[in-house]
Amino acid sequence: MSLTTTILLLILGWLAVAAAMLWGVLRITRRHHQPRQPAPVTKAEKTTRRPAPAH
């Protein structure tokens, strides 16, 4: 293998590893640091149903 090919493969390998690490970090930050919005409470959820009497 020539010196040019070796250097090119090293650079491409480094870029592939850097891109994979960046993708992983962005994926983790998107998943864990996104504020969760609570679901709005509807009227049906506000009213509590009593359980049916047992016969």
C-alpha atoms as a PDB file:
ATOM      1  CA  MET A   1       0.000   0.000   0.000  1.00  0.00           C
ATOM      2  CA  SER A   2       1.357   3.404  -0.885  1.00  0.00           C
ATOM      3  CA  LEU A   3       1.882   6.191   1.602  1.00  0.00           C
ATOM      4  CA  THR A   4      -0.875   8.279  -0.002  1.00  0.00           C
ATOM      5  CA  THR A   5      -3.409   5.477   0.371  1.00  0.00           C
ATOM      6  CA  THR A   6      -2.419   4.902   3.997  1.00  0.00           C
ATOM      7  CA  ILE A   7      -2.805   8.580   4.880  1.00  0.00           C
ATOM      8  CA  LEU A   8      -6.118   8.792   3.047  1.00  0.00           C
ATOM      9  CA  LEU A   9      -7.461   5.723   4.874  1.00  0.00           C
ATOM     10  CA  LEU A  10      -6.339   7.148   8.223  1.00  0.00           C
ATOM     11  CA  ILE A  11      -8.116  10.425   7.546  1.00  0.00           C
ATOM     12  CA  LEU A  12     -11.291   8.709   6.329  1.00  0.00           C
ATOM     13  CA  GLY A  13     -11.280   6.395   9.339  1.00  0.00           C
ATOM     14  CA  TRP A  14     -10.846   9.336  11.696  1.00  0.00           C
ATOM     15  CA  LEU A  15     -13.723  11.168  10.022  1.00  0.00           C
ATOM     16  CA  ALA A  16     -15.953   8.099  10.272  1.00  0.00           C
ATOM     17  CA  VAL A  17     -15.230   7.729  13.991  1.00  0.00           C
ATOM     18  CA  ALA A  18     -15.763  11.450  14.606  1.00  0.00           C
ATOM     19  CA  ALA A  19     -19.083  11.405  12.741  1.00  0.00           C
ATOM     20  CA  ALA A  20     -20.275   8.352  14.685  1.00  0.00           C
ATOM     21  CA  MET A  21     -19.345   9.951  18.002  1.00  0.00           C
ATOM     22  CA  LEU A  22     -21.062  13.209  17.069  1.00  0.00           C
ATOM     23  CA  TRP A  23     -24.200  11.337  16.009  1.00  0.00           C
ATOM     24  CA  GLY A  24     -24.235   9.459  19.317  1.00  0.00           C
ATOM     25  CA  VAL A  25     -23.812  12.603  21.395  1.00  0.00           C
ATOM     26  CA  LEU A  26     -26.531  14.425  19.492  1.00  0.00           C
ATOM     27  CA  ARG A  27     -28.864  11.446  19.870  1.00  0.00           C
ATOM     28  CA  ILE A  28     -28.307  11.287  23.626  1.00  0.00           C
ATOM     29  CA  THR A  29     -28.755  15.032  24.138  1.00  0.00           C
ATOM     30  CA  ARG A  30     -31.935  15.056  22.076  1.00  0.00           C
ATOM     31  CA  ARG A  31     -33.397  12.176  24.072  1.00  0.00           C
ATOM     32  CA  HIS A  32     -32.424  13.240  27.609  1.00  0.00           C
ATOM     33  CA  HIS A  33     -32.563  17.026  27.537  1.00  0.00           C
ATOM     34  CA  GLN A  34     -35.820  17.639  25.755  1.00  0.00           C
ATOM     35  CA  PRO A  35     -38.388  19.090  28.159  1.00  0.00           C
ATOM     36  CA  ARG A  36     -41.438  16.899  28.305  1.00  0.00           C
ATOM     37  CA  GLN A  37     -44.756  18.672  27.953  1.00  0.00           C
ATOM     38  CA  PRO A  38     -47.484  17.171  30.136  1.00  0.00           C
ATOM     39  CA  ALA A  39     -50.538  16.071  28.215  1.00  0.00           C
ATOM     40  CA  PRO A  40     -53.439  18.488  28.634  1.00  0.00           C
ATOM     41  CA  VAL A  41     -56.116  17.179  30.961  1.00  0.00           C
ATOM     42  CA  THR A  42     -59.462  16.820  29.243  1.00  0.00           C
ATOM     43  CA  LYS A  43     -62.876  17.079  30.835  1.00  0.00           C
ATOM     44  CA  ALA A  44     -63.391  13.333  30.647  1.00  0.00           C
ATOM     45  CA  GLU A  45     -60.200  12.753  32.625  1.00  0.00           C
ATOM     46  CA  LYS A  46     -61.177  15.278  35.292  1.00  0.00           C
ATOM     47  CA  THR A  47     -64.413  13.505  36.197  1.00  0.00           C
ATOM     48  CA  THR A  48     -63.794  10.405  38.227  1.00  0.00           C
ATOM     49  CA  ARG A  49     -66.022   7.416  37.692  1.00  0.00           C
ATOM     50  CA  ARG A  50     -67.171   5.419  40.646  1.00  0.00           C
ATOM     51  CA  PRO A  51     -66.735   1.676  40.305  1.00  0.00           C
ATOM     52  CA  ALA A  52     -69.883  -0.285  39.587  1.00  0.00           C
ATOM     53  CA  PRO A  53     -71.359  -1.905  42.705  1.00  0.00           C
ATOM     54  CA  ALA A  54     -70.736  -5.640  42.958  1.00  0.00           C
ATOM     55  CA  HIS A  55     -73.869  -7.807  42.927  1.00  0.00           C
END
